[in-house]
């Protein structure tokens, strides 16, 4: 009696999902065949696959994705062709499951008219729907002597193999810590003389009691005020390092000037991104100082050492859009600079941001197979965009004489260990990898 659920997928692109699905179905009590677990070395892989589909399979689960629907994927095309022949005897033989935002119009002709179970938003919801369908179709459970722990341990081993392929090669690693040149001087004014002026001009400031800390120089501030203003001028870097204890400035005691200056730097960094056309997003689960700045739809940029422009926002599914975003904050260690974190932000077809709950589910779906290389390239491109290809980008609170400069390239380091990204892994058989 046929009792096997065959999982057809693009190798190695969809290996993570395929092994996860196989393990979950096995824990439910089904017999599952998936190449990552069941295709041994030194075997005629196509003969094994063909025989398994024809003689043992009761349901053929086809993982639809941009990779598996690529017309150049001969391996999955062959598997689907055999399954289509079996469907002539068993009309419900093929069960398509969708794991990313591949367009339904791009699905192979063999499954174009079939109902597709959608895993793209939530794998758990997709699994529940699939199991309900298998039960409705009376797919038999098997009497298995293996314990649940066996399947969990096997899955854990497969994930370690997928995600931790190390090599003894020299490799340059790029951090997300970007060098900065802080404004040379920081100025302290009486708040009642300058606060309104700075707010009207949307210039970063830090108010502490009756004084205001800013990077606006005395010449510019006095010019805007129309009269000479009293101020205290300090060296920015020295003040961050040393002004940690309460001190008096313009008759006001400030407990920790260093902290206030760092807050001012962080605000200035945000204004740097905003001045480049990025839009501001305030996640409800983060502090106000951690604003995310994201790229508008269709934005892209070509870095000097690359051949093609990198897209920084684009279409997501059929009615939504994704936007790459960044947030940043200043640190002194391990080296002075700003740590830039990357984000994904999502909007609807009118470019209105989705609510936070929808942001989270979309981020999991879109970002689950974006590995280190992709994130790094997006981050590097976004920082090059902000500097317009120059080594440093500049933000001025007033004149260029007291500007903030942010590098477009992060600190990097050399290691004698390297690793292989998941989508270029060499799995069981070299020929089979080239599906």
Protein backbone atom coordinates (compact mmCIF):
# COMPACT_ATOMS: atom_id res chain seq x y z
CA UNK A 1 0.00 0.00 0.00
CA UNK A 2 1.26 3.47 -0.85
CA UNK A 3 1.85 5.43 2.34
CA UNK A 4 4.63 7.98 1.63
CA UNK A 5 4.38 11.76 1.44
CA UNK A 6 6.99 12.91 -1.09
CA UNK A 7 8.27 16.48 -0.68
CA UNK A 8 9.54 18.00 -3.93
CA UNK A 9 11.49 21.24 -3.59
CA UNK A 10 14.32 23.28 -5.05
CA UNK A 11 17.67 22.17 -3.67
CA UNK A 12 19.37 23.81 -1.86
CA UNK A 13 17.28 26.99 -1.83
CA UNK A 14 14.26 25.49 -0.03
CA UNK A 15 16.11 22.91 2.06
CA UNK A 16 15.37 24.70 5.33
CA UNK A 17 11.63 24.64 4.77
CA UNK A 18 11.58 21.11 3.31
CA UNK A 19 13.42 19.55 6.27
CA UNK A 20 11.23 21.45 8.71
CA UNK A 21 8.03 20.27 7.00
CA UNK A 22 9.27 16.68 6.77
CA UNK A 23 10.09 16.61 10.48
CA UNK A 24 6.73 18.09 11.47
CA UNK A 25 4.81 15.57 9.36
CA UNK A 26 6.89 12.69 10.74
CA UNK A 27 6.10 13.83 14.27
CA UNK A 28 2.41 13.66 13.32
CA UNK A 29 3.01 10.02 12.38
CA UNK A 30 3.30 10.20 8.58
CA UNK A 31 5.95 8.53 6.46
CA UNK A 32 7.84 11.22 4.57
CA UNK A 33 10.47 11.16 1.82
CA UNK A 34 12.64 14.23 1.26
CA UNK A 35 15.99 14.19 -0.52
CA UNK A 36 17.91 15.95 2.26
CA UNK A 37 17.06 13.13 4.70
CA UNK A 38 16.54 10.12 2.46
CA UNK A 39 18.84 10.37 -0.55
CA UNK A 40 22.02 8.54 0.37
CA UNK A 41 25.48 8.98 -1.16
CA UNK A 42 26.62 6.99 -4.23
CA UNK A 43 23.10 6.16 -5.39
CA UNK A 44 21.34 6.67 -8.69
CA UNK A 45 19.37 9.62 -7.36
CA UNK A 46 16.96 9.92 -10.29
CA UNK A 47 16.12 6.23 -10.30
CA UNK A 48 15.44 6.44 -6.56
CA UNK A 49 13.24 9.52 -6.93
CA UNK A 50 11.31 8.11 -9.91
CA UNK A 51 10.64 4.81 -8.16
CA UNK A 52 9.61 6.49 -4.90
CA UNK A 53 7.09 8.76 -6.63
CA UNK A 54 5.57 5.97 -8.76
CA UNK A 55 5.55 3.07 -6.32
CA UNK A 56 5.43 4.46 -2.78
CA UNK A 57 3.94 7.97 -2.82
CA UNK A 58 0.35 8.67 -1.83
CA UNK A 59 0.71 12.46 -1.79
CA UNK A 60 3.21 14.57 -3.72
CA UNK A 61 3.81 17.85 -1.86
CA UNK A 62 5.27 20.38 -4.27
CA UNK A 63 6.99 23.32 -2.56
CA UNK A 64 6.25 26.31 -4.78
CA UNK A 65 8.73 29.16 -4.55
CA UNK A 66 10.58 31.49 -6.86
CA UNK A 67 13.35 28.90 -6.98
CA UNK A 68 11.23 25.82 -7.71
CA UNK A 69 9.19 27.73 -10.33
CA UNK A 70 12.34 28.83 -12.15
CA UNK A 71 12.17 27.35 -15.66
CA UNK A 72 15.86 26.41 -15.48
CA UNK A 73 15.28 23.95 -12.61
CA UNK A 74 15.34 20.64 -14.47
CA UNK A 75 15.25 18.44 -11.34
CA UNK A 76 11.97 19.69 -9.90
CA UNK A 77 10.49 19.84 -13.42
CA UNK A 78 11.21 16.12 -13.85
CA UNK A 79 9.69 15.27 -10.47
CA UNK A 80 6.58 17.30 -11.25
CA UNK A 81 6.25 15.66 -14.67
CA UNK A 82 6.23 12.19 -13.09
CA UNK A 83 3.75 13.37 -10.44
CA UNK A 84 1.49 14.78 -13.16
CA UNK A 85 1.32 11.34 -14.78
CA UNK A 86 0.36 9.81 -11.43
CA UNK A 87 -2.36 12.46 -11.05
CA UNK A 88 -4.20 10.97 -14.02
CA UNK A 89 -4.95 7.98 -11.80
CA UNK A 90 -5.25 9.92 -8.54
CA UNK A 91 -6.60 13.47 -9.22
CA UNK A 92 -5.64 14.68 -5.74
CA UNK A 93 -2.10 13.32 -5.95
CA UNK A 94 -0.30 16.71 -6.10
CA UNK A 95 -0.53 19.09 -3.13
CA UNK A 96 1.12 22.46 -3.85
CA UNK A 97 2.36 24.51 -0.86
CA UNK A 98 3.53 28.11 -1.36
CA UNK A 99 6.42 29.36 0.78
CA UNK A 100 7.29 32.81 -0.62
CA UNK A 101 5.79 35.58 -2.72
CA UNK A 102 6.08 33.77 -6.04
CA UNK A 103 3.26 34.98 -8.31
CA UNK A 104 0.46 32.51 -8.88
CA UNK A 105 0.72 33.29 -12.58
CA UNK A 106 4.28 31.92 -12.52
CA UNK A 107 3.30 28.50 -11.17
CA UNK A 108 4.06 25.48 -13.39
CA UNK A 109 1.24 24.49 -15.71
CA UNK A 110 0.84 21.15 -13.90
CA UNK A 111 -0.42 22.89 -10.75
CA UNK A 112 -1.83 26.12 -12.16
CA UNK A 113 -5.44 25.09 -11.53
CA UNK A 114 -4.85 23.36 -8.20
CA UNK A 115 -5.68 24.81 -4.80
CA UNK A 116 -2.45 25.96 -3.13
CA UNK A 117 -1.87 25.82 0.63
CA UNK A 118 -0.17 29.07 1.63
CA UNK A 119 2.77 28.87 4.07
CA UNK A 120 4.21 32.26 3.09
CA UNK A 121 2.71 34.26 5.95
CA UNK A 122 2.97 31.67 8.72
CA UNK A 123 4.47 28.19 8.55
CA UNK A 124 2.45 26.98 11.53
CA UNK A 125 -0.87 28.01 9.96
CA UNK A 126 0.13 26.38 6.69
CA UNK A 127 1.06 23.16 8.50
CA UNK A 128 -2.30 23.02 10.27
CA UNK A 129 -4.12 23.41 6.96
CA UNK A 130 -1.98 20.73 5.31
CA UNK A 131 -2.52 18.22 8.13
CA UNK A 132 -6.28 18.81 8.01
CA UNK A 133 -6.21 18.07 4.29
CA UNK A 134 -4.13 14.89 4.73
CA UNK A 135 -6.59 13.63 7.34
CA UNK A 136 -9.51 14.44 5.05
CA UNK A 137 -7.78 12.44 2.30
CA UNK A 138 -7.26 9.50 4.70
CA UNK A 139 -3.49 9.49 4.28
CA UNK A 140 -2.43 6.63 6.58
CA UNK A 141 -0.25 7.00 9.63
CA UNK A 142 2.55 4.46 9.96
CA UNK A 143 3.67 2.29 12.85
CA UNK A 144 7.11 3.71 13.36
CA UNK A 145 9.63 2.30 15.81
CA UNK A 146 11.57 5.59 15.88
CA UNK A 147 11.02 7.93 18.81
CA UNK A 148 10.06 11.57 18.42
CA UNK A 149 13.52 12.50 19.68
CA UNK A 150 15.07 10.70 16.68
CA UNK A 151 13.30 13.03 14.23
CA UNK A 152 14.08 16.12 16.29
CA UNK A 153 17.78 15.17 16.54
CA UNK A 154 17.94 14.46 12.81
CA UNK A 155 16.35 17.82 12.01
CA UNK A 156 18.77 19.58 14.35
CA UNK A 157 21.71 17.87 12.66
CA UNK A 158 20.46 18.85 9.21
CA UNK A 159 20.09 22.49 10.28
CA UNK A 160 23.60 22.50 11.69
CA UNK A 161 24.85 21.20 8.37
CA UNK A 162 22.85 23.80 6.45
CA UNK A 163 23.83 26.78 8.54
CA UNK A 164 27.30 26.05 9.81
CA UNK A 165 29.41 25.05 6.84
CA UNK A 166 32.86 26.32 7.84
CA UNK A 167 35.96 26.42 5.68
CA UNK A 168 39.61 27.11 6.46
CA UNK A 169 39.82 30.11 4.12
CA UNK A 170 40.82 33.68 4.77
CA UNK A 171 37.81 35.94 4.63
CA UNK A 172 37.13 39.61 5.23
CA UNK A 173 34.15 40.21 7.49
CA UNK A 174 32.22 43.43 7.42
CA UNK A 175 30.82 44.71 10.72
CA UNK A 176 27.89 47.06 11.19
CA UNK A 177 30.05 49.60 13.06
CA UNK A 178 30.71 52.64 10.88
CA UNK A 179 33.44 55.20 11.65
CA UNK A 180 32.31 58.77 12.35
CA UNK A 181 33.98 62.14 12.72
CA UNK A 182 32.05 64.01 15.37
CA UNK A 183 31.52 67.76 15.21
CA UNK A 184 34.63 69.27 16.76
CA UNK A 185 32.76 71.50 19.21
CA UNK A 186 29.57 71.31 21.24
CA UNK A 187 27.81 74.49 22.42
CA UNK A 188 25.74 75.17 25.55
CA UNK A 189 23.25 78.08 25.49
CA UNK A 190 20.53 79.47 27.72
CA UNK A 191 17.39 77.59 26.69
CA UNK A 192 15.11 80.65 26.71
CA UNK A 193 17.34 82.31 24.08
CA UNK A 194 17.70 79.50 21.53
CA UNK A 195 15.17 76.70 22.04
CA UNK A 196 12.42 78.18 19.85
CA UNK A 197 14.92 79.09 17.12
CA UNK A 198 16.27 75.53 16.94
CA UNK A 199 12.82 73.94 17.01
CA UNK A 200 11.60 76.17 14.17
CA UNK A 201 14.57 75.06 12.07
CA UNK A 202 14.20 71.37 13.10
CA UNK A 203 17.78 71.26 14.37
CA UNK A 204 18.86 68.63 16.93
CA UNK A 205 19.14 69.89 20.49
CA UNK A 206 19.26 68.46 23.99
CA UNK A 207 17.52 70.48 26.67
CA UNK A 208 18.65 69.94 30.24
CA UNK A 209 16.85 72.12 32.78
CA UNK A 210 17.51 75.76 31.74
CA UNK A 211 20.25 75.11 29.16
CA UNK A 212 20.35 73.67 25.64
CA UNK A 213 23.19 71.59 24.17
CA UNK A 214 23.63 71.72 20.40
CA UNK A 215 26.21 71.54 17.61
CA UNK A 216 25.13 74.92 16.20
CA UNK A 217 28.10 77.29 16.39
CA UNK A 218 27.92 80.64 18.13
CA UNK A 219 28.29 82.64 14.90
CA UNK A 220 25.26 80.96 13.27
CA UNK A 221 23.16 81.01 16.43
CA UNK A 222 23.87 84.69 17.08
CA UNK A 223 23.07 85.49 13.46
CA UNK A 224 19.73 83.67 13.69
CA UNK A 225 18.91 85.38 16.99
CA UNK A 226 19.91 88.81 15.69
CA UNK A 227 22.23 89.49 18.62
CA UNK A 228 25.29 88.14 20.36
CA UNK A 229 24.57 85.18 22.65
CA UNK A 230 26.48 83.87 25.65
CA UNK A 231 27.56 80.23 25.38
CA UNK A 232 30.05 77.67 26.58
CA UNK A 233 32.17 75.92 23.94
CA UNK A 234 33.57 72.46 24.64
CA UNK A 235 35.47 69.84 22.67
CA UNK A 236 32.96 67.16 21.71
CA UNK A 237 35.15 64.06 21.98
CA UNK A 238 36.78 65.12 25.25
CA UNK A 239 33.40 65.97 26.77
CA UNK A 240 31.99 62.55 25.88
CA UNK A 241 34.96 60.85 27.51
CA UNK A 242 35.35 63.01 30.62
CA UNK A 243 32.15 64.88 31.50
CA UNK A 244 30.49 62.04 33.39
CA UNK A 245 30.03 63.74 36.76
CA UNK A 246 27.81 66.70 37.78
CA UNK A 247 29.21 70.05 36.64
CA UNK A 248 27.87 73.59 36.37
CA UNK A 249 27.31 75.22 32.97
CA UNK A 250 25.83 78.74 32.64
CA UNK A 251 24.71 78.49 36.24
CA UNK A 252 22.94 75.12 35.74
CA UNK A 253 24.19 71.80 37.12
CA UNK A 254 24.20 69.00 34.54
CA UNK A 255 24.58 65.52 36.02
CA UNK A 256 26.07 63.78 32.98
CA UNK A 257 26.93 65.98 30.01
CA UNK A 258 28.49 63.02 28.19
CA UNK A 259 25.13 61.26 28.04
CA UNK A 260 23.42 64.39 26.71
CA UNK A 261 26.01 64.82 23.95
CA UNK A 262 25.64 61.17 22.88
CA UNK A 263 21.87 61.70 22.72
CA UNK A 264 22.53 64.75 20.52
CA UNK A 265 24.80 62.69 18.25
CA UNK A 266 22.09 60.02 17.89
CA UNK A 267 19.51 62.63 16.91
CA UNK A 268 21.95 64.10 14.39
CA UNK A 269 22.53 60.67 12.86
CA UNK A 270 18.77 60.31 12.42
CA UNK A 271 18.63 63.73 10.74
CA UNK A 272 21.44 62.55 8.44
CA UNK A 273 19.25 59.71 7.18
CA UNK A 274 16.14 61.88 7.02
CA UNK A 275 17.96 64.55 5.01
CA UNK A 276 18.77 61.87 2.40
CA UNK A 277 15.07 61.26 1.72
CA UNK A 278 14.53 58.29 4.04
CA UNK A 279 11.24 58.28 5.91
CA UNK A 280 10.82 57.85 9.65
CA UNK A 281 9.04 54.92 11.28
CA UNK A 282 8.54 54.53 15.02
CA UNK A 283 7.96 50.89 16.02
CA UNK A 284 5.69 50.72 19.05
CA UNK A 285 7.92 48.14 20.74
CA UNK A 286 11.09 50.20 20.60
CA UNK A 287 12.35 53.29 22.37
CA UNK A 288 11.81 56.66 20.70
CA UNK A 289 15.57 57.06 20.21
CA UNK A 290 15.56 54.00 17.99
CA UNK A 291 13.64 55.45 15.06
CA UNK A 292 13.85 53.40 11.87
CA UNK A 293 14.53 55.27 8.64
CA UNK A 294 13.37 53.46 5.51
CA UNK A 295 13.69 53.91 1.76
CA UNK A 296 10.75 54.93 -0.38
CA UNK A 297 9.34 52.57 -3.00
CA UNK A 298 11.50 51.88 -6.03
CA UNK A 299 14.70 53.33 -4.53
CA UNK A 300 17.94 51.70 -5.67
CA UNK A 301 21.61 52.60 -5.83
CA UNK A 302 24.75 51.33 -7.54
CA UNK A 303 27.88 51.14 -5.45
CA UNK A 304 31.20 51.91 -7.13
CA UNK A 305 32.53 48.33 -6.92
CA UNK A 306 29.37 46.62 -8.18
CA UNK A 307 28.02 46.03 -11.66
CA UNK A 308 24.32 46.49 -10.98
CA UNK A 309 22.19 48.76 -8.84
CA UNK A 310 20.86 47.20 -5.65
CA UNK A 311 17.13 47.57 -5.02
CA UNK A 312 16.37 49.02 -1.58
CA UNK A 313 12.59 48.63 -1.77
CA UNK A 314 10.17 46.76 -3.95
CA UNK A 315 7.00 44.75 -4.39
CA UNK A 316 5.97 42.29 -1.69
CA UNK A 317 3.36 39.75 -2.67
CA UNK A 318 0.56 41.28 -4.75
CA UNK A 319 -0.64 44.31 -2.80
CA UNK A 320 2.23 45.25 -0.49
CA UNK A 321 5.71 46.73 -0.64
CA UNK A 322 8.89 46.09 1.33
CA UNK A 323 11.35 48.80 2.30
CA UNK A 324 14.87 48.38 3.64
CA UNK A 325 15.43 50.52 6.72
CA UNK A 326 18.17 51.40 9.19
CA UNK A 327 18.48 52.59 12.76
CA UNK A 328 21.71 53.74 14.40
CA UNK A 329 23.29 54.81 17.66
CA UNK A 330 26.70 56.05 18.74
CA UNK A 331 29.18 53.89 20.67
CA UNK A 332 32.69 54.49 21.99
CA UNK A 333 33.78 50.86 22.09
CA UNK A 334 35.30 48.79 20.53
CA UNK A 335 35.95 51.89 18.39
CA UNK A 336 34.16 55.24 18.15
CA UNK A 337 31.41 55.04 15.56
CA UNK A 338 27.75 54.30 14.97
CA UNK A 339 26.24 50.84 15.03
CA UNK A 340 23.76 50.61 12.17
CA UNK A 341 21.04 47.99 12.44
CA UNK A 342 18.97 46.87 9.48
CA UNK A 343 15.20 46.52 9.31
CA UNK A 344 12.40 45.60 6.94
CA UNK A 345 9.36 47.88 6.83
CA UNK A 346 6.17 47.10 4.92
CA UNK A 347 3.46 49.25 3.35
CA UNK A 348 0.19 48.59 1.52
CA UNK A 349 -0.53 49.30 -2.15
CA UNK A 350 -1.01 52.98 -1.28
CA UNK A 351 2.38 53.05 0.50
CA UNK A 352 0.74 53.45 3.90
CA UNK A 353 2.67 51.59 6.59
CA UNK A 354 1.09 48.36 7.83
CA UNK A 355 0.11 48.10 11.52
CA UNK A 356 2.77 46.66 13.83
CA UNK A 357 1.15 43.21 14.02
CA UNK A 358 1.21 42.92 10.22
CA UNK A 359 4.76 44.29 10.13
CA UNK A 360 5.94 41.40 12.30
CA UNK A 361 4.34 38.62 10.21
CA UNK A 362 5.51 40.18 6.94
CA UNK A 363 9.03 40.60 8.30
CA UNK A 364 9.19 36.93 9.27
CA UNK A 365 7.95 35.85 5.87
CA UNK A 366 10.17 38.11 3.77
CA UNK A 367 13.25 37.93 5.95
CA UNK A 368 13.40 34.24 6.87
CA UNK A 369 15.65 33.30 3.95
CA UNK A 370 17.63 36.54 3.73
CA UNK A 371 21.07 35.44 4.87
CA UNK A 372 24.18 37.37 5.88
CA UNK A 373 25.34 38.25 2.39
CA UNK A 374 22.00 39.77 1.40
CA UNK A 375 21.71 41.83 4.58
CA UNK A 376 25.30 43.02 4.26
CA UNK A 377 24.85 44.13 0.64
CA UNK A 378 21.65 46.00 1.49
CA UNK A 379 23.34 47.73 4.43
CA UNK A 380 26.42 48.69 2.41
CA UNK A 381 24.25 49.98 -0.44
CA UNK A 382 22.08 52.04 1.90
CA UNK A 383 25.11 53.73 3.47
CA UNK A 384 26.63 54.39 0.04
CA UNK A 385 23.30 55.87 -1.04
CA UNK A 386 23.37 58.27 1.90
CA UNK A 387 26.92 59.40 1.07
CA UNK A 388 26.15 59.37 -2.68
CA UNK A 389 29.13 57.12 -3.30
CA UNK A 390 31.63 59.22 -1.36
CA UNK A 391 33.79 57.83 1.44
CA UNK A 392 31.92 59.98 3.98
CA UNK A 393 28.50 61.60 4.14
CA UNK A 394 27.98 64.87 5.98
CA UNK A 395 25.26 66.35 8.20
CA UNK A 396 25.50 70.00 9.29
CA UNK A 397 23.44 71.56 12.05
CA UNK A 398 24.58 74.92 10.75
CA UNK A 399 27.75 75.63 8.78
CA UNK A 400 30.16 72.98 7.51
CA UNK A 401 32.77 74.11 10.03
CA UNK A 402 31.17 71.92 12.73
CA UNK A 403 29.72 69.00 10.78
CA UNK A 404 29.13 65.32 11.51
CA UNK A 405 30.77 62.93 9.02
CA UNK A 406 29.63 59.31 8.68
CA UNK A 407 31.67 56.74 6.74
CA UNK A 408 30.01 54.76 3.95
CA UNK A 409 32.11 51.65 4.71
CA UNK A 410 32.05 49.82 8.03
CA UNK A 411 34.97 48.54 10.05
CA UNK A 412 36.06 45.12 8.79
CA UNK A 413 38.43 42.42 9.95
CA UNK A 414 40.20 39.38 8.54
CA UNK A 415 39.59 35.85 9.84
CA UNK A 416 41.22 32.54 8.93
CA UNK A 417 37.76 30.93 8.96
CA UNK A 418 35.09 31.34 6.32
CA UNK A 419 31.63 29.86 5.71
CA UNK A 420 29.32 28.99 2.85
CA UNK A 421 25.99 30.74 2.40
CA UNK A 422 22.98 28.33 2.49
CA UNK A 423 22.04 28.78 -1.17
CA UNK A 424 25.44 27.60 -2.47
CA UNK A 425 25.80 24.50 -0.29
CA UNK A 426 26.93 21.29 -1.95
CA UNK A 427 24.57 18.65 -0.64
CA UNK A 428 24.37 14.94 -1.20
CA UNK A 429 25.04 14.84 -4.92
CA UNK A 430 26.60 17.52 -7.12
CA UNK A 431 24.29 16.77 -10.05
CA UNK A 432 21.22 17.00 -7.86
CA UNK A 433 22.27 20.38 -6.46
CA UNK A 434 22.00 21.87 -9.95
CA UNK A 435 18.26 21.38 -10.17
